[in-house]
Amino acid sequence: MNKETKKAYIDKIEAKLREWTAEFEKLKPKMESSEEKLKEEYHKVKEELRAKGEDIRKKLQELKGEGGEAWEELKFGTDDAWEEMKIAIKKARSKFK
């Protein structure tokens, strides 16, 4: 994998992470003003998204330092973590919109 392709991939994931963070922030007022049961669910979802976001950030840091085969393996792990994040965001969006 050449440096340009690697950088483009990392930039894409970082941009998506910022986009999903902004999306979550938009939902925040609705979630916080919900009834008590939904507030509990909000805090669970918030923690799940925070953990997944941290996992993606960690994997991105690892990707930045790797090359060759190790980079390809980490990329697959990052892709998997990203798919989990997308599912969690969709769940939050459907519950709190």
N, C-alpha and C. Protein backbone atom coordinates (compact mmCIF):
# COMPACT_ATOMS: atom_id res chain seq x y z
N MET A 1 0.86 -1.18 0.00
CA MET A 1 0.00 0.00 0.00
C MET A 1 0.90 1.23 0.00
N ASN A 2 0.64 2.13 -0.93
CA ASN A 2 1.48 3.32 -0.97
C ASN A 2 1.01 4.36 0.05
N LYS A 3 1.87 5.34 0.28
CA LYS A 3 1.59 6.35 1.32
C LYS A 3 0.35 7.16 1.02
N GLU A 4 0.12 7.47 -0.26
CA GLU A 4 -1.06 8.28 -0.62
C GLU A 4 -2.35 7.52 -0.33
N THR A 5 -2.37 6.24 -0.67
CA THR A 5 -3.55 5.42 -0.42
C THR A 5 -3.80 5.27 1.08
N LYS A 6 -2.73 5.04 1.81
CA LYS A 6 -2.83 4.91 3.27
C LYS A 6 -3.36 6.20 3.89
N LYS A 7 -2.80 7.33 3.46
CA LYS A 7 -3.24 8.62 4.00
C LYS A 7 -4.70 8.87 3.65
N ALA A 8 -5.09 8.56 2.42
CA ALA A 8 -6.48 8.78 1.99
C ALA A 8 -7.44 7.94 2.84
N TYR A 9 -7.06 6.70 3.13
CA TYR A 9 -7.90 5.83 3.96
C TYR A 9 -8.03 6.41 5.38
N ILE A 10 -6.92 6.79 5.96
CA ILE A 10 -6.93 7.34 7.33
C ILE A 10 -7.74 8.64 7.36
N ASP A 11 -7.54 9.49 6.37
CA ASP A 11 -8.30 10.75 6.30
C ASP A 11 -9.80 10.48 6.20
N LYS A 12 -10.18 9.48 5.40
CA LYS A 12 -11.58 9.13 5.22
C LYS A 12 -12.20 8.67 6.54
N ILE A 13 -11.51 7.80 7.26
CA ILE A 13 -12.03 7.29 8.53
C ILE A 13 -12.11 8.42 9.56
N GLU A 14 -11.09 9.27 9.61
CA GLU A 14 -11.12 10.39 10.56
C GLU A 14 -12.28 11.34 10.24
N ALA A 15 -12.53 11.59 8.97
CA ALA A 15 -13.65 12.48 8.57
C ALA A 15 -14.98 11.85 8.96
N LYS A 16 -15.13 10.56 8.72
CA LYS A 16 -16.37 9.86 9.09
C LYS A 16 -16.56 9.88 10.60
N LEU A 17 -15.50 9.71 11.34
CA LEU A 17 -15.58 9.74 12.80
C LEU A 17 -16.05 11.12 13.27
N ARG A 18 -15.52 12.17 12.68
CA ARG A 18 -15.99 13.52 13.01
C ARG A 18 -17.46 13.70 12.63
N GLU A 19 -17.85 13.15 11.49
CA GLU A 19 -19.23 13.25 11.03
C GLU A 19 -20.19 12.55 12.00
N TRP A 20 -19.83 11.34 12.42
CA TRP A 20 -20.68 10.58 13.35
C TRP A 20 -20.72 11.25 14.71
N THR A 21 -19.61 11.82 15.13
CA THR A 21 -19.59 12.54 16.41
C THR A 21 -20.54 13.73 16.35
N ALA A 22 -20.52 14.45 15.25
CA ALA A 22 -21.44 15.59 15.07
C ALA A 22 -22.88 15.11 15.06
N GLU A 23 -23.14 14.00 14.40
CA GLU A 23 -24.49 13.42 14.36
C GLU A 23 -24.97 13.08 15.76
N PHE A 24 -24.10 12.47 16.53
CA PHE A 24 -24.45 12.11 17.90
C PHE A 24 -24.73 13.36 18.73
N GLU A 25 -23.93 14.39 18.53
CA GLU A 25 -24.13 15.64 19.27
C GLU A 25 -25.48 16.28 18.94
N LYS A 26 -25.94 16.13 17.69
CA LYS A 26 -27.25 16.65 17.30
C LYS A 26 -28.37 15.92 18.05
N LEU A 27 -28.19 14.63 18.29
CA LEU A 27 -29.21 13.83 18.98
C LEU A 27 -29.20 14.07 20.49
N LYS A 28 -28.11 14.56 21.00
CA LYS A 28 -27.91 14.71 22.44
C LYS A 28 -29.04 15.46 23.16
N PRO A 29 -29.46 16.64 22.68
CA PRO A 29 -30.53 17.34 23.40
C PRO A 29 -31.83 16.54 23.51
N LYS A 30 -32.19 15.84 22.43
CA LYS A 30 -33.40 15.01 22.47
C LYS A 30 -33.26 13.87 23.46
N MET A 31 -32.08 13.27 23.48
CA MET A 31 -31.85 12.14 24.37
C MET A 31 -31.86 12.59 25.83
N GLU A 32 -31.26 13.73 26.10
CA GLU A 32 -31.17 14.20 27.48
C GLU A 32 -32.51 14.70 28.01
N SER A 33 -33.39 15.14 27.12
CA SER A 33 -34.68 15.64 27.58
C SER A 33 -35.76 14.56 27.58
N SER A 34 -35.40 13.37 27.22
CA SER A 34 -36.34 12.25 27.19
C SER A 34 -36.73 11.82 28.59
N GLU A 35 -37.76 11.01 28.65
CA GLU A 35 -38.17 10.48 29.95
C GLU A 35 -37.07 9.63 30.56
N GLU A 36 -37.19 9.35 31.83
CA GLU A 36 -36.12 8.69 32.60
C GLU A 36 -35.65 7.38 31.97
N LYS A 37 -36.57 6.54 31.52
CA LYS A 37 -36.19 5.26 30.93
C LYS A 37 -35.31 5.48 29.70
N LEU A 38 -35.67 6.46 28.88
CA LEU A 38 -34.88 6.74 27.70
C LEU A 38 -33.53 7.36 28.06
N LYS A 39 -33.49 8.11 29.16
CA LYS A 39 -32.21 8.68 29.59
C LYS A 39 -31.22 7.57 29.94
N GLU A 40 -31.72 6.54 30.59
CA GLU A 40 -30.85 5.40 30.93
C GLU A 40 -30.31 4.77 29.64
N GLU A 41 -31.20 4.58 28.66
CA GLU A 41 -30.79 4.01 27.38
C GLU A 41 -29.79 4.93 26.69
N TYR A 42 -30.02 6.23 26.76
CA TYR A 42 -29.11 7.20 26.18
C TYR A 42 -27.70 7.04 26.76
N HIS A 43 -27.61 6.90 28.07
CA HIS A 43 -26.29 6.78 28.70
C HIS A 43 -25.60 5.48 28.28
N LYS A 44 -26.37 4.42 28.09
CA LYS A 44 -25.79 3.16 27.60
C LYS A 44 -25.26 3.34 26.18
N VAL A 45 -26.09 3.96 25.34
CA VAL A 45 -25.69 4.18 23.94
C VAL A 45 -24.48 5.11 23.89
N LYS A 46 -24.52 6.16 24.69
CA LYS A 46 -23.41 7.12 24.72
C LYS A 46 -22.11 6.42 25.09
N GLU A 47 -22.14 5.57 26.08
CA GLU A 47 -20.93 4.84 26.50
C GLU A 47 -20.47 3.88 25.42
N GLU A 48 -21.42 3.20 24.78
CA GLU A 48 -21.08 2.26 23.71
C GLU A 48 -20.40 3.02 22.56
N LEU A 49 -20.96 4.16 22.17
CA LEU A 49 -20.38 4.94 21.09
C LEU A 49 -19.01 5.51 21.47
N ARG A 50 -18.88 5.94 22.71
CA ARG A 50 -17.60 6.46 23.17
C ARG A 50 -16.53 5.38 23.07
N ALA A 51 -16.88 4.17 23.53
CA ALA A 51 -15.93 3.06 23.51
C ALA A 51 -15.56 2.68 22.07
N LYS A 52 -16.54 2.64 21.21
CA LYS A 52 -16.27 2.29 19.81
C LYS A 52 -15.42 3.38 19.14
N GLY A 53 -15.73 4.63 19.46
CA GLY A 53 -14.93 5.73 18.91
C GLY A 53 -13.48 5.66 19.37
N GLU A 54 -13.29 5.35 20.63
CA GLU A 54 -11.93 5.20 21.16
C GLU A 54 -11.21 4.04 20.48
N ASP A 55 -11.93 2.95 20.23
CA ASP A 55 -11.34 1.80 19.55
C ASP A 55 -10.88 2.20 18.15
N ILE A 56 -11.72 2.94 17.45
CA ILE A 56 -11.36 3.38 16.10
C ILE A 56 -10.16 4.34 16.15
N ARG A 57 -10.17 5.28 17.10
CA ARG A 57 -9.04 6.21 17.21
C ARG A 57 -7.74 5.45 17.50
N LYS A 58 -7.81 4.45 18.36
CA LYS A 58 -6.63 3.65 18.69
C LYS A 58 -6.13 2.92 17.45
N LYS A 59 -7.05 2.32 16.72
CA LYS A 59 -6.66 1.60 15.51
C LYS A 59 -6.06 2.55 14.47
N LEU A 60 -6.62 3.75 14.37
CA LEU A 60 -6.05 4.73 13.43
C LEU A 60 -4.63 5.10 13.83
N GLN A 61 -4.38 5.28 15.10
CA GLN A 61 -3.02 5.58 15.57
C GLN A 61 -2.08 4.44 15.20
N GLU A 62 -2.53 3.20 15.38
CA GLU A 62 -1.70 2.05 15.01
C GLU A 62 -1.45 2.04 13.51
N LEU A 63 -2.51 2.35 12.73
CA LEU A 63 -2.36 2.36 11.27
C LEU A 63 -1.32 3.36 10.81
N LYS A 64 -1.30 4.51 11.44
CA LYS A 64 -0.37 5.56 11.04
C LYS A 64 1.08 5.12 11.18
N GLY A 65 1.33 4.22 12.10
CA GLY A 65 2.70 3.79 12.34
C GLY A 65 3.10 2.51 11.62
N GLU A 66 2.16 1.87 10.97
CA GLU A 66 2.47 0.58 10.34
C GLU A 66 2.56 0.69 8.83
N GLY A 67 3.17 -0.31 8.25
CA GLY A 67 3.26 -0.42 6.81
C GLY A 67 3.13 -1.87 6.40
N GLY A 68 3.06 -2.12 5.12
CA GLY A 68 3.04 -3.47 4.58
C GLY A 68 1.91 -4.33 5.09
N GLU A 69 2.23 -5.59 5.38
CA GLU A 69 1.25 -6.58 5.82
C GLU A 69 0.57 -6.19 7.13
N ALA A 70 1.33 -5.66 8.06
CA ALA A 70 0.75 -5.25 9.35
C ALA A 70 -0.31 -4.18 9.12
N TRP A 71 -0.06 -3.28 8.18
CA TRP A 71 -1.03 -2.23 7.89
C TRP A 71 -2.31 -2.84 7.35
N GLU A 72 -2.20 -3.78 6.44
CA GLU A 72 -3.38 -4.43 5.86
C GLU A 72 -4.21 -5.12 6.95
N GLU A 73 -3.55 -5.81 7.88
CA GLU A 73 -4.27 -6.48 8.97
C GLU A 73 -4.97 -5.47 9.86
N LEU A 74 -4.29 -4.39 10.21
CA LEU A 74 -4.90 -3.36 11.04
C LEU A 74 -6.06 -2.68 10.31
N LYS A 75 -5.93 -2.51 9.01
CA LYS A 75 -6.99 -1.90 8.22
C LYS A 75 -8.26 -2.73 8.32
N PHE A 76 -8.14 -4.05 8.23
CA PHE A 76 -9.33 -4.90 8.36
C PHE A 76 -9.95 -4.76 9.74
N GLY A 77 -9.14 -4.69 10.77
CA GLY A 77 -9.65 -4.48 12.13
C GLY A 77 -10.35 -3.14 12.27
N THR A 78 -9.80 -2.12 11.64
CA THR A 78 -10.41 -0.80 11.67
C THR A 78 -11.74 -0.81 10.92
N ASP A 79 -11.77 -1.50 9.79
CA ASP A 79 -13.02 -1.61 9.03
C ASP A 79 -14.10 -2.29 9.87
N ASP A 80 -13.74 -3.33 10.58
CA ASP A 80 -14.70 -4.03 11.44
C ASP A 80 -15.21 -3.11 12.55
N ALA A 81 -14.30 -2.40 13.18
CA ALA A 81 -14.69 -1.46 14.25
C ALA A 81 -15.59 -0.37 13.68
N TRP A 82 -15.29 0.07 12.47
CA TRP A 82 -16.10 1.10 11.83
C TRP A 82 -17.52 0.60 11.57
N GLU A 83 -17.66 -0.63 11.11
CA GLU A 83 -18.99 -1.19 10.86
C GLU A 83 -19.79 -1.25 12.16
N GLU A 84 -19.15 -1.63 13.26
CA GLU A 84 -19.82 -1.67 14.56
C GLU A 84 -20.28 -0.26 14.96
N MET A 85 -19.46 0.73 14.69
CA MET A 85 -19.80 2.11 15.03
C MET A 85 -21.01 2.56 14.21
N LYS A 86 -21.03 2.24 12.93
CA LYS A 86 -22.16 2.62 12.08
C LYS A 86 -23.46 2.01 12.58
N ILE A 87 -23.42 0.76 12.99
CA ILE A 87 -24.61 0.09 13.52
C ILE A 87 -25.07 0.76 14.80
N ALA A 88 -24.14 1.07 15.69
CA ALA A 88 -24.49 1.73 16.96
C ALA A 88 -25.10 3.10 16.72
N ILE A 89 -24.56 3.86 15.78
CA ILE A 89 -25.10 5.19 15.47
C ILE A 89 -26.52 5.06 14.90
N LYS A 90 -26.72 4.09 14.00
CA LYS A 90 -28.06 3.89 13.43
C LYS A 90 -29.07 3.55 14.51
N LYS A 91 -28.65 2.69 15.44
CA LYS A 91 -29.53 2.34 16.56
C LYS A 91 -29.90 3.57 17.37
N ALA A 92 -28.91 4.39 17.68
CA ALA A 92 -29.16 5.60 18.47
C ALA A 92 -30.07 6.54 17.69
N ARG A 93 -29.82 6.69 16.43
CA ARG A 93 -30.63 7.59 15.61
C ARG A 93 -32.09 7.13 15.59
N SER A 94 -32.33 5.84 15.46
CA SER A 94 -33.71 5.35 15.40
C SER A 94 -34.42 5.45 16.74
N LYS A 95 -33.70 5.34 17.83
CA LYS A 95 -34.33 5.42 19.16
C LYS A 95 -34.62 6.83 19.59
N PHE A 96 -33.82 7.78 19.20
CA PHE A 96 -33.90 9.12 19.78
C PHE A 96 -34.29 10.23 18.81
N LYS A 97 -34.70 9.91 17.61
CA LYS A 97 -35.13 10.97 16.67
C LYS A 97 -36.58 11.30 16.89
